[in-house]
């Protein structure tokens, strides 16, 4: 569970959950005609940021664990 020690993973999970909730709200409540759906834009931005943070957490090199005495 070394991923849970990485702050990027925790932040990525948080933004993924919030982004998907906002995207769901955007899909359930469409905006008035001729306006921009701010929930859709914000949800997409949060989801992209979450994907970036999760990718950085998963694919970053980790130092080897210290030898046991």
Protein backbone atom coordinates (compact mmCIF):
# COMPACT_ATOMS: atom_id res chain seq x y z
CA UNK A 1 0.00 0.00 0.00
CA UNK A 2 2.78 2.42 -0.85
CA UNK A 3 0.35 4.37 -3.03
CA UNK A 4 -1.58 5.51 0.03
CA UNK A 5 1.61 7.14 1.29
CA UNK A 6 1.82 9.28 -1.86
CA UNK A 7 -0.09 12.55 -1.54
CA UNK A 8 -0.65 12.69 -5.31
CA UNK A 9 -2.68 9.48 -5.12
CA UNK A 10 -4.92 10.82 -2.33
CA UNK A 11 -5.46 14.13 -4.17
CA UNK A 12 -6.17 12.22 -7.38
CA UNK A 13 -8.81 10.09 -5.69
CA UNK A 14 -10.44 13.15 -4.12
CA UNK A 15 -10.63 15.02 -7.42
CA UNK A 16 -11.82 11.91 -9.27
CA UNK A 17 -14.74 11.45 -6.86
CA UNK A 18 -15.67 15.13 -6.88
CA UNK A 19 -15.24 15.44 -10.65
CA UNK A 20 -17.48 12.46 -11.32
CA UNK A 21 -20.13 13.85 -8.94
CA UNK A 22 -20.09 17.22 -10.70
CA UNK A 23 -20.19 15.52 -14.12
CA UNK A 24 -23.21 13.53 -12.95
CA UNK A 25 -24.93 16.72 -11.83
CA UNK A 26 -24.17 18.28 -15.23
CA UNK A 27 -25.71 15.36 -17.07
CA UNK A 28 -28.81 15.24 -14.87
CA UNK A 29 -29.50 18.99 -15.01
CA UNK A 30 -28.81 20.43 -18.46
CA UNK A 31 -28.36 24.22 -18.68
CA UNK A 32 -30.73 26.67 -20.29
CA UNK A 33 -30.49 27.06 -24.05
CA UNK A 34 -27.56 29.13 -25.21
CA UNK A 35 -25.55 28.94 -21.98
CA UNK A 36 -22.41 27.09 -21.01
CA UNK A 37 -22.82 24.19 -18.62
CA UNK A 38 -20.39 25.22 -15.86
CA UNK A 39 -20.82 21.88 -14.09
CA UNK A 40 -19.75 20.04 -17.22
CA UNK A 41 -16.66 22.21 -17.72
CA UNK A 42 -15.69 22.05 -14.04
CA UNK A 43 -16.31 18.31 -13.81
CA UNK A 44 -14.20 17.64 -16.89
CA UNK A 45 -11.39 19.82 -15.57
CA UNK A 46 -11.41 18.05 -12.20
CA UNK A 47 -11.49 14.62 -13.85
CA UNK A 48 -8.55 15.47 -16.11
CA UNK A 49 -6.59 16.81 -13.13
CA UNK A 50 -7.42 13.62 -11.20
CA UNK A 51 -6.17 11.46 -14.06
CA UNK A 52 -2.93 13.44 -14.16
CA UNK A 53 -2.36 13.12 -10.41
CA UNK A 54 -3.16 9.40 -10.39
CA UNK A 55 -0.85 8.79 -13.34
CA UNK A 56 1.97 10.68 -11.62
CA UNK A 57 1.43 8.70 -8.43
CA UNK A 58 1.32 5.31 -10.14
CA UNK A 59 4.11 5.73 -12.68
CA UNK A 60 6.64 7.74 -10.65
CA UNK A 61 9.82 5.90 -9.64
CA UNK A 62 10.00 4.97 -5.98
CA UNK A 63 13.10 4.53 -3.88
CA UNK A 64 13.78 0.97 -2.77
CA UNK A 65 12.63 0.12 0.73
CA UNK A 66 15.30 0.31 3.42
CA UNK A 67 16.98 -2.99 4.26
CA UNK A 68 15.68 -4.77 7.32
CA UNK A 69 18.09 -5.13 10.20
